[in-house]
Amino acid sequence: MKKIKFIDLSIFLLFIFIILTFFQGYQCKYLKLSYCKIDFFENILLENGFIENLQSTFLFLAIIFLFISFKKFNHNKLIKIFLTIKVIALIYYLGEEIS
């Protein structure tokens, strides 16, 4: 039960973080507010910034979780094919992101 609450809290905090990041990106791109000139806020959304590195981390974790689920669905051939295609696509996308 405690593990489920931790996962729910983690998902909720990630959702809040994504909403705040979208809000901050919208303000800096379209409204041109003065706080957006601070180096910290400029570096969050730039190439090789925090958001892009976070995206690469999530892609890597998704690949690991797909490998784990690949072992669990070992008996169903259709799911194995789907997971293989998904892993290949995520590896390609991760390679594009980190290059």
C-alpha atoms as a PDB file:
ATOM      1  CA  MET A   1       0.000   0.000   0.000  1.00  0.00           C
ATOM      2  CA  LYS A   2       2.859   2.381   0.823  1.00  0.00           C
ATOM      3  CA  LYS A   3       4.495   1.679  -2.539  1.00  0.00           C
ATOM      4  CA  ILE A   4       1.297   2.603  -4.406  1.00  0.00           C
ATOM      5  CA  LYS A   5       1.054   5.909  -2.538  1.00  0.00           C
ATOM      6  CA  PHE A   6       4.679   6.686  -3.411  1.00  0.00           C
ATOM      7  CA  ILE A   7       4.041   5.976  -7.099  1.00  0.00           C
ATOM      8  CA  ASP A   8       0.877   8.102  -7.062  1.00  0.00           C
ATOM      9  CA  LEU A   9       2.755  10.960  -5.406  1.00  0.00           C
ATOM     10  CA  SER A  10       5.618  10.654  -7.911  1.00  0.00           C
ATOM     11  CA  ILE A  11       3.227  10.778 -10.861  1.00  0.00           C
ATOM     12  CA  PHE A  12       1.406  13.760  -9.363  1.00  0.00           C
ATOM     13  CA  LEU A  13       4.678  15.681  -8.787  1.00  0.00           C
ATOM     14  CA  LEU A  14       5.875  14.889 -12.305  1.00  0.00           C
ATOM     15  CA  PHE A  15       2.570  16.144 -13.706  1.00  0.00           C
ATOM     16  CA  ILE A  16       2.872  19.388 -11.707  1.00  0.00           C
ATOM     17  CA  PHE A  17       6.477  19.802 -12.892  1.00  0.00           C
ATOM     18  CA  ILE A  18       5.443  19.362 -16.532  1.00  0.00           C
ATOM     19  CA  ILE A  19       2.608  21.898 -16.179  1.00  0.00           C
ATOM     20  CA  LEU A  20       4.939  24.453 -14.547  1.00  0.00           C
ATOM     21  CA  THR A  21       7.558  23.908 -17.254  1.00  0.00           C
ATOM     22  CA  PHE A  22       4.994  24.472 -20.012  1.00  0.00           C
ATOM     23  CA  PHE A  23       3.756  27.588 -18.249  1.00  0.00           C
ATOM     24  CA  GLN A  24       7.285  28.959 -17.845  1.00  0.00           C
ATOM     25  CA  GLY A  25       8.151  28.147 -21.468  1.00  0.00           C
ATOM     26  CA  TYR A  26       5.023  29.900 -22.714  1.00  0.00           C
ATOM     27  CA  GLN A  27       5.767  32.989 -20.632  1.00  0.00           C
ATOM     28  CA  CYS A  28       9.378  33.214 -21.785  1.00  0.00           C
ATOM     29  CA  LYS A  29       8.618  32.602 -25.455  1.00  0.00           C
ATOM     30  CA  TYR A  30       5.476  34.670 -26.011  1.00  0.00           C
ATOM     31  CA  LEU A  31       5.106  37.108 -23.130  1.00  0.00           C
ATOM     32  CA  LYS A  32       8.850  37.944 -22.827  1.00  0.00           C
ATOM     33  CA  LEU A  33       8.761  38.570 -19.085  1.00  0.00           C
ATOM     34  CA  SER A  34      11.814  40.064 -17.380  1.00  0.00           C
ATOM     35  CA  TYR A  35      12.632  37.056 -15.199  1.00  0.00           C
ATOM     36  CA  CYS A  36      13.209  34.993 -18.337  1.00  0.00           C
ATOM     37  CA  LYS A  37      16.500  36.842 -18.903  1.00  0.00           C
ATOM     38  CA  ILE A  38      18.012  35.159 -15.825  1.00  0.00           C
ATOM     39  CA  ASP A  39      20.568  32.540 -16.897  1.00  0.00           C
ATOM     40  CA  PHE A  40      18.896  29.807 -14.855  1.00  0.00           C
ATOM     41  CA  PHE A  41      15.589  30.123 -16.708  1.00  0.00           C
ATOM     42  CA  GLU A  42      17.289  30.500 -20.086  1.00  0.00           C
ATOM     43  CA  ASN A  43      19.290  27.306 -19.607  1.00  0.00           C
ATOM     44  CA  ILE A  44      16.313  25.158 -18.607  1.00  0.00           C
ATOM     45  CA  LEU A  45      14.718  25.169 -22.048  1.00  0.00           C
ATOM     46  CA  LEU A  46      17.810  25.473 -24.282  1.00  0.00           C
ATOM     47  CA  GLU A  47      19.594  22.707 -26.161  1.00  0.00           C
ATOM     48  CA  ASN A  48      21.467  20.504 -23.651  1.00  0.00           C
ATOM     49  CA  GLY A  49      19.459  22.116 -20.880  1.00  0.00           C
ATOM     50  CA  PHE A  50      17.735  20.474 -17.960  1.00  0.00           C
ATOM     51  CA  ILE A  51      14.561  19.536 -19.852  1.00  0.00           C
ATOM     52  CA  GLU A  52      16.416  17.794 -22.671  1.00  0.00           C
ATOM     53  CA  ASN A  53      18.585  15.850 -20.232  1.00  0.00           C
ATOM     54  CA  LEU A  54      15.498  14.885 -18.263  1.00  0.00           C
ATOM     55  CA  GLN A  55      13.862  13.665 -21.472  1.00  0.00           C
ATOM     56  CA  SER A  56      16.904  11.503 -22.240  1.00  0.00           C
ATOM     57  CA  THR A  57      16.746  10.036 -18.743  1.00  0.00           C
ATOM     58  CA  PHE A  58      13.055   9.180 -19.143  1.00  0.00           C
ATOM     59  CA  LEU A  59      13.718   7.570 -22.528  1.00  0.00           C
ATOM     60  CA  PHE A  60      16.466   5.436 -21.015  1.00  0.00           C
ATOM     61  CA  LEU A  61      14.191   4.382 -18.155  1.00  0.00           C
ATOM     62  CA  ALA A  62      11.416   3.532 -20.626  1.00  0.00           C
ATOM     63  CA  ILE A  63      13.810   1.273 -22.541  1.00  0.00           C
ATOM     64  CA  ILE A  64      14.796  -0.492 -19.316  1.00  0.00           C
ATOM     65  CA  PHE A  65      11.141  -0.995 -18.338  1.00  0.00           C
ATOM     66  CA  LEU A  66      10.368  -2.401 -21.780  1.00  0.00           C
ATOM     67  CA  PHE A  67      13.214  -4.904 -21.424  1.00  0.00           C
ATOM     68  CA  ILE A  68      11.803  -5.948 -18.040  1.00  0.00           C
ATOM     69  CA  SER A  69       8.310  -6.342 -19.488  1.00  0.00           C
ATOM     70  CA  PHE A  70       9.790  -8.255 -22.439  1.00  0.00           C
ATOM     71  CA  LYS A  71      10.905 -10.937 -19.982  1.00  0.00           C
ATOM     72  CA  LYS A  72       7.469 -11.061 -18.351  1.00  0.00           C
ATOM     73  CA  PHE A  73       5.543 -11.444 -21.630  1.00  0.00           C
ATOM     74  CA  ASN A  74       7.806 -14.159 -22.949  1.00  0.00           C
ATOM     75  CA  HIS A  75       4.972 -16.492 -23.980  1.00  0.00           C
ATOM     76  CA  ASN A  76       2.986 -14.102 -26.217  1.00  0.00           C
ATOM     77  CA  LYS A  77       4.592 -13.661 -29.644  1.00  0.00           C
ATOM     78  CA  LEU A  78       2.508 -10.629 -30.683  1.00  0.00           C
ATOM     79  CA  ILE A  79       3.473  -8.680 -27.575  1.00  0.00           C
ATOM     80  CA  LYS A  80       7.134  -9.633 -28.044  1.00  0.00           C
ATOM     81  CA  ILE A  81       7.040  -8.219 -31.592  1.00  0.00           C
ATOM     82  CA  PHE A  82       5.356  -5.025 -30.411  1.00  0.00           C
ATOM     83  CA  LEU A  83       7.845  -4.553 -27.573  1.00  0.00           C
ATOM     84  CA  THR A  84      10.777  -5.174 -29.913  1.00  0.00           C
ATOM     85  CA  ILE A  85       9.555  -2.501 -32.329  1.00  0.00           C
ATOM     86  CA  LYS A  86       8.967  -0.119 -29.425  1.00  0.00           C
ATOM     87  CA  VAL A  87      12.465  -0.692 -27.999  1.00  0.00           C
ATOM     88  CA  ILE A  88      14.080  -0.128 -31.401  1.00  0.00           C
ATOM     89  CA  ALA A  89      12.120   3.091 -31.884  1.00  0.00           C
ATOM     90  CA  LEU A  90      13.009   4.375 -28.405  1.00  0.00           C
ATOM     91  CA  ILE A  91      16.700   3.534 -28.874  1.00  0.00           C
ATOM     92  CA  TYR A  92      16.684   5.467 -32.148  1.00  0.00           C
ATOM     93  CA  TYR A  93      14.936   8.430 -30.512  1.00  0.00           C
ATOM     94  CA  LEU A  94      17.306   8.355 -27.521  1.00  0.00           C
ATOM     95  CA  GLY A  95      20.287   8.331 -29.881  1.00  0.00           C
ATOM     96  CA  GLU A  96      18.874  11.343 -31.684  1.00  0.00           C
ATOM     97  CA  GLU A  97      18.312  13.180 -28.415  1.00  0.00           C
ATOM     98  CA  ILE A  98      21.777  12.660 -27.002  1.00  0.00           C
ATOM     99  CA  SER A  99      23.619  13.457 -30.223  1.00  0.00           C
END
